[in-house]
C-alpha atoms as a PDB file:
ATOM      1  CA  MET A   1      32.307  -7.272  49.693  1.00  0.00           C
ATOM      2  CA  CYS A   2      35.164  -8.330  47.305  1.00  0.00           C
ATOM      3  CA  ILE A   3      34.574  -7.603  43.509  1.00  0.00           C
ATOM      4  CA  ASN A   4      37.113  -9.859  40.802  1.00  0.00           C
ATOM      5  CA  ILE A   5      38.390  -8.377  38.452  1.00  0.00           C
ATOM      6  CA  LYS A   6      39.279 -11.242  36.538  1.00  0.00           C
ATOM      7  CA  ASN A   7      36.018 -12.827  37.075  1.00  0.00           C
ATOM      8  CA  ILE A   8      34.256  -9.379  35.315  1.00  0.00           C
ATOM      9  CA  ILE A   9      36.452  -9.546  33.002  1.00  0.00           C
ATOM     10  CA  PHE A  10      36.269 -13.195  31.713  1.00  0.00           C
ATOM     11  CA  ASN A  11      32.816 -14.048  32.676  1.00  0.00           C
ATOM     12  CA  ASN A  12      31.236 -11.223  30.906  1.00  0.00           C
ATOM     13  CA  LYS A  13      29.576 -12.921  27.300  1.00  0.00           C
ATOM     14  CA  ILE A  14      30.080 -10.921  25.215  1.00  0.00           C
ATOM     15  CA  LYS A  15      27.097 -10.294  22.819  1.00  0.00           C
ATOM     16  CA  VAL A  16      27.042 -10.529  19.464  1.00  0.00           C
ATOM     17  CA  MET A  17      24.414 -10.205  16.661  1.00  0.00           C
ATOM     18  CA  ASP A  18      23.169 -13.317  14.571  1.00  0.00           C
ATOM     19  CA  ILE A  19      23.395 -12.430  10.825  1.00  0.00           C
ATOM     20  CA  ASN A  20      19.427 -12.869   9.723  1.00  0.00           C
ATOM     21  CA  TRP A  21      20.181 -14.361   6.997  1.00  0.00           C
ATOM     22  CA  GLY A  22      16.487 -15.011   4.998  1.00  0.00           C
ATOM     23  CA  ILE A  23      15.896 -11.229   5.456  1.00  0.00           C
ATOM     24  CA  LEU A  24      19.155 -10.090   4.315  1.00  0.00           C
ATOM     25  CA  ALA A  25      18.115 -12.408   1.321  1.00  0.00           C
ATOM     26  CA  VAL A  26      14.627 -11.145   0.678  1.00  0.00           C
ATOM     27  CA  VAL A  27      15.856  -7.705   0.961  1.00  0.00           C
ATOM     28  CA  ALA A  28      18.910  -7.513  -1.813  1.00  0.00           C
ATOM     29  CA  VAL A  29      16.368  -9.037  -4.425  1.00  0.00           C
ATOM     30  CA  ILE A  30      14.418  -6.750  -3.992  1.00  0.00           C
ATOM     31  CA  VAL A  31      16.868  -3.787  -4.126  1.00  0.00           C
ATOM     32  CA  LEU A  32      17.873  -6.259  -7.405  1.00  0.00           C
ATOM     33  CA  ILE A  33      14.236  -5.978  -8.633  1.00  0.00           C
ATOM     34  CA  ILE A  34      14.057  -2.583  -8.363  1.00  0.00           C
ATOM     35  CA  VAL A  35      17.601  -1.567  -9.828  1.00  0.00           C
ATOM     36  CA  VAL A  36      16.830  -4.052 -12.771  1.00  0.00           C
ATOM     37  CA  ILE A  37      13.368  -2.561 -13.454  1.00  0.00           C
ATOM     38  CA  THR A  38      14.612   1.065 -12.926  1.00  0.00           C
ATOM     39  CA  ILE A  39      17.434   0.239 -15.725  1.00  0.00           C
ATOM     40  CA  ARG A  40      14.892  -1.328 -18.098  1.00  0.00           C
ATOM     41  CA  LYS A  41      12.633   1.109 -17.483  1.00  0.00           C
ATOM     42  CA  ASN A  42      15.423   4.566 -18.450  1.00  0.00           C
ATOM     43  CA  GLN A  43      16.237   2.305 -21.271  1.00  0.00           C
ATOM     44  CA  ARG A  44      12.718   2.225 -22.551  1.00  0.00           C
ATOM     45  CA  GLU A  45      12.451   6.253 -21.688  1.00  0.00           C
ATOM     46  CA  LYS A  46      15.867   7.192 -23.259  1.00  0.00           C
ATOM     47  CA  LYS A  47      14.785   5.192 -26.650  1.00  0.00           C
ATOM     48  CA  LYS A  48      11.550   6.964 -26.955  1.00  0.00           C
ATOM     49  CA  LEU A  49      12.804   9.999 -26.010  1.00  0.00           C
ATOM     50  CA  THR A  50      15.815   9.214 -29.052  1.00  0.00           C
ATOM     51  CA  ASP A  51      12.587   8.902 -31.007  1.00  0.00           C
ATOM     52  CA  LEU A  52      11.312  12.187 -30.371  1.00  0.00           C
ATOM     53  CA  LEU A  53      13.950  14.268 -31.215  1.00  0.00           C
ATOM     54  CA  ASN A  54      14.516  12.716 -34.378  1.00  0.00           C
ATOM     55  CA  ASN A  55      10.880  12.893 -35.921  1.00  0.00           C
ATOM     56  CA  ASP A  56      10.501  16.044 -34.409  1.00  0.00           C
ATOM     57  CA  PHE A  57      10.890  19.001 -37.224  1.00  0.00           C
ATOM     58  CA  LYS A  58       9.470  19.191 -40.283  1.00  0.00           C
ATOM     59  CA  LYS A  59      11.193  19.861 -43.391  1.00  0.00           C
ATOM     60  CA  GLU A  60      10.109  22.417 -45.220  1.00  0.00           C
ATOM     61  CA  ASN A  61      10.619  22.376 -48.555  1.00  0.00           C
ATOM     62  CA  GLU A  62      11.232  25.675 -49.987  1.00  0.00           C
ATOM     63  CA  ASP A  63      10.040  26.858 -53.614  1.00  0.00           C
ATOM     64  CA  ASP A  64      10.282  30.277 -53.934  1.00  0.00           C
ATOM     65  CA  ILE A  65      14.504  32.331 -53.525  1.00  0.00           C
ATOM     66  CA  ASN A  66      15.073  34.546 -50.815  1.00  0.00           C
ATOM     67  CA  ALA A  67      17.774  37.060 -52.266  1.00  0.00           C
ATOM     68  CA  GLU A  68      17.700  37.402 -48.783  1.00  0.00           C
ATOM     69  CA  ASP A  69      20.066  34.438 -47.883  1.00  0.00           C
ATOM     70  CA  SER A  70      22.978  33.570 -49.500  1.00  0.00           C
ATOM     71  CA  ALA A  71      22.905  30.489 -48.530  1.00  0.00           C
ATOM     72  CA  ASN A  72      19.588  29.074 -50.184  1.00  0.00           C
ATOM     73  CA  GLU A  73      20.683  29.468 -53.459  1.00  0.00           C
ATOM     74  CA  LYS A  74      19.077  26.426 -55.987  1.00  0.00           C
END
């Protein structure tokens, strides 16, 4: 039984995986939708947080003058 190395090397086909473009396209679209939704949600929440932080304080009108506080001069 003689094994010819040349036949083994050249007759074996190299298996190459074919890319399933349909599945790849579906996954890419899903990832793109998730990214867009996340960006929009973060922009809305950023606006809400900015509005909350800008309007979350109460201005106190001090009519009486505190003698201990030198910066409270009228």
